[in-house]
Amino acid sequence: MGKQASTALSLGLGAAILYLGAHAVTGRQGLVAYVGLQAEERALEQEIGALAAEQHALEQRAQRLRPGQTFDDDYLAERARVSLAAGDPEELVFALD
């Protein structure tokens, strides 16, 4: 093997290593994509936590309106007043966000 063949082989292997290294960092399944997917996973986990808390609150509200031991007359009256925007003429009503 001559000196030119050895140089060409070294250049070819170097180019292949550079290509594979760049692809490992910036490719579809590379390091940059992996970091982005981790950030997306954290955001989705936070969203799942918020949705689970909202689901729990809705389940609690529904539980208070079920007939039986847990039925809450005051809560039903409150929800009816809020939905209908109704109140007693002598009541003070404060609207809060």
C-alpha atoms as a PDB file:
ATOM      1  CA  MET A   1       0.000   0.000   0.000  1.00  0.00           C
ATOM      2  CA  GLY A   2       1.396   3.345  -1.006  1.00  0.00           C
ATOM      3  CA  LYS A   3       1.513   6.603   0.823  1.00  0.00           C
ATOM      4  CA  GLN A   4      -1.360   8.041  -1.271  1.00  0.00           C
ATOM      5  CA  ALA A   5      -3.605   5.066  -0.547  1.00  0.00           C
ATOM      6  CA  SER A   6      -2.868   5.345   3.164  1.00  0.00           C
ATOM      7  CA  THR A   7      -3.653   9.082   3.114  1.00  0.00           C
ATOM      8  CA  ALA A   8      -6.892   8.501   1.187  1.00  0.00           C
ATOM      9  CA  LEU A   9      -7.928   5.793   3.653  1.00  0.00           C
ATOM     10  CA  SER A  10      -7.175   8.095   6.611  1.00  0.00           C
ATOM     11  CA  LEU A  11      -9.188  10.926   5.053  1.00  0.00           C
ATOM     12  CA  GLY A  12     -12.103   8.588   4.289  1.00  0.00           C
ATOM     13  CA  LEU A  13     -12.153   7.202   7.827  1.00  0.00           C
ATOM     14  CA  GLY A  14     -11.859  10.712   9.284  1.00  0.00           C
ATOM     15  CA  ALA A  15     -14.784  11.920   7.164  1.00  0.00           C
ATOM     16  CA  ALA A  16     -16.871   8.902   8.220  1.00  0.00           C
ATOM     17  CA  ILE A  17     -16.091   9.547  11.902  1.00  0.00           C
ATOM     18  CA  LEU A  18     -17.008  13.241  11.541  1.00  0.00           C
ATOM     19  CA  TYR A  19     -20.254  12.364   9.766  1.00  0.00           C
ATOM     20  CA  LEU A  20     -21.269   9.802  12.377  1.00  0.00           C
ATOM     21  CA  GLY A  21     -20.286  12.131  15.221  1.00  0.00           C
ATOM     22  CA  ALA A  22     -22.290  15.028  13.804  1.00  0.00           C
ATOM     23  CA  HIS A  23     -25.253  12.733  13.224  1.00  0.00           C
ATOM     24  CA  ALA A  24     -25.028  11.455  16.817  1.00  0.00           C
ATOM     25  CA  VAL A  25     -25.277  15.029  18.083  1.00  0.00           C
ATOM     26  CA  THR A  26     -27.728  16.658  15.653  1.00  0.00           C
ATOM     27  CA  GLY A  27     -29.589  13.739  14.048  1.00  0.00           C
ATOM     28  CA  ARG A  28     -33.228  12.742  14.559  1.00  0.00           C
ATOM     29  CA  GLN A  29     -32.244  10.514  17.465  1.00  0.00           C
ATOM     30  CA  GLY A  30     -29.199  12.515  18.476  1.00  0.00           C
ATOM     31  CA  LEU A  31     -28.261  14.322  21.648  1.00  0.00           C
ATOM     32  CA  VAL A  32     -30.058  17.563  20.746  1.00  0.00           C
ATOM     33  CA  ALA A  33     -33.297  15.691  20.015  1.00  0.00           C
ATOM     34  CA  TYR A  34     -32.929  13.748  23.261  1.00  0.00           C
ATOM     35  CA  VAL A  35     -32.631  16.943  25.316  1.00  0.00           C
ATOM     36  CA  GLY A  36     -35.690  18.390  23.555  1.00  0.00           C
ATOM     37  CA  LEU A  37     -37.703  15.242  24.249  1.00  0.00           C
ATOM     38  CA  GLN A  38     -36.746  15.365  27.926  1.00  0.00           C
ATOM     39  CA  ALA A  39     -37.999  18.953  28.185  1.00  0.00           C
ATOM     40  CA  GLU A  40     -41.236  17.973  26.442  1.00  0.00           C
ATOM     41  CA  GLU A  41     -41.636  15.024  28.824  1.00  0.00           C
ATOM     42  CA  ARG A  42     -41.268  17.294  31.874  1.00  0.00           C
ATOM     43  CA  ALA A  43     -43.870  19.720  30.470  1.00  0.00           C
ATOM     44  CA  LEU A  44     -46.300  16.872  29.793  1.00  0.00           C
ATOM     45  CA  GLU A  45     -45.782  15.446  33.289  1.00  0.00           C
ATOM     46  CA  GLN A  46     -46.624  18.853  34.774  1.00  0.00           C
ATOM     47  CA  GLU A  47     -49.725  19.032  32.586  1.00  0.00           C
ATOM     48  CA  ILE A  48     -50.748  15.554  33.762  1.00  0.00           C
ATOM     49  CA  GLY A  49     -50.370  16.703  37.376  1.00  0.00           C
ATOM     50  CA  ALA A  50     -52.526  19.788  36.758  1.00  0.00           C
ATOM     51  CA  LEU A  51     -55.177  17.731  34.974  1.00  0.00           C
ATOM     52  CA  ALA A  52     -55.208  15.161  37.777  1.00  0.00           C
ATOM     53  CA  ALA A  53     -55.764  17.942  40.327  1.00  0.00           C
ATOM     54  CA  GLU A  54     -58.585  19.376  38.205  1.00  0.00           C
ATOM     55  CA  GLN A  55     -60.142  15.911  37.869  1.00  0.00           C
ATOM     56  CA  HIS A  56     -60.002  15.445  41.647  1.00  0.00           C
ATOM     57  CA  ALA A  57     -61.699  18.818  42.201  1.00  0.00           C
ATOM     58  CA  LEU A  58     -64.439  17.955  39.708  1.00  0.00           C
ATOM     59  CA  GLU A  59     -64.971  14.562  41.335  1.00  0.00           C
ATOM     60  CA  GLN A  60     -65.304  16.289  44.725  1.00  0.00           C
ATOM     61  CA  ARG A  61     -67.901  18.707  43.314  1.00  0.00           C
ATOM     62  CA  ALA A  62     -69.835  15.843  41.723  1.00  0.00           C
ATOM     63  CA  GLN A  63     -69.709  13.876  44.990  1.00  0.00           C
ATOM     64  CA  ARG A  64     -71.338  16.781  46.824  1.00  0.00           C
ATOM     65  CA  LEU A  65     -74.287  16.690  44.423  1.00  0.00           C
ATOM     66  CA  ARG A  66     -75.013  12.950  44.627  1.00  0.00           C
ATOM     67  CA  PRO A  67     -78.149  11.970  46.544  1.00  0.00           C
ATOM     68  CA  GLY A  68     -77.578  10.071  49.761  1.00  0.00           C
ATOM     69  CA  GLN A  69     -75.217  10.696  52.629  1.00  0.00           C
ATOM     70  CA  THR A  70     -72.989  13.157  50.764  1.00  0.00           C
ATOM     71  CA  PHE A  71     -75.713  15.386  49.263  1.00  0.00           C
ATOM     72  CA  ASP A  72     -75.023  19.031  50.138  1.00  0.00           C
ATOM     73  CA  ASP A  73     -78.118  21.272  49.960  1.00  0.00           C
ATOM     74  CA  ASP A  74     -76.102  24.446  50.495  1.00  0.00           C
ATOM     75  CA  TYR A  75     -73.716  23.607  47.669  1.00  0.00           C
ATOM     76  CA  LEU A  76     -76.634  22.887  45.317  1.00  0.00           C
ATOM     77  CA  ALA A  77     -78.223  26.221  46.216  1.00  0.00           C
ATOM     78  CA  GLU A  78     -74.930  28.009  45.683  1.00  0.00           C
ATOM     79  CA  ARG A  79     -74.402  26.429  42.263  1.00  0.00           C
ATOM     80  CA  ALA A  80     -78.000  27.244  41.252  1.00  0.00           C
ATOM     81  CA  ARG A  81     -77.543  30.881  42.271  1.00  0.00           C
ATOM     82  CA  VAL A  82     -74.278  31.148  40.376  1.00  0.00           C
ATOM     83  CA  SER A  83     -75.716  29.491  37.273  1.00  0.00           C
ATOM     84  CA  LEU A  84     -78.886  31.568  37.282  1.00  0.00           C
ATOM     85  CA  ALA A  85     -77.248  34.749  38.587  1.00  0.00           C
ATOM     86  CA  ALA A  86     -80.018  34.904  41.185  1.00  0.00           C
ATOM     87  CA  GLY A  87     -80.027  36.101  44.759  1.00  0.00           C
ATOM     88  CA  ASP A  88     -82.248  37.450  47.469  1.00  0.00           C
ATOM     89  CA  PRO A  89     -82.913  41.206  47.237  1.00  0.00           C
ATOM     90  CA  GLU A  90     -81.430  41.691  50.698  1.00  0.00           C
ATOM     91  CA  GLU A  91     -78.230  39.750  49.986  1.00  0.00           C
ATOM     92  CA  LEU A  92     -74.926  41.320  49.126  1.00  0.00           C
ATOM     93  CA  VAL A  93     -73.305  39.503  46.232  1.00  0.00           C
ATOM     94  CA  PHE A  94     -69.600  39.765  45.567  1.00  0.00           C
ATOM     95  CA  ALA A  95     -68.395  38.515  42.166  1.00  0.00           C
ATOM     96  CA  LEU A  96     -64.875  37.139  42.295  1.00  0.00           C
ATOM     97  CA  ASP A  97     -62.746  35.721  39.509  1.00  0.00           C
END
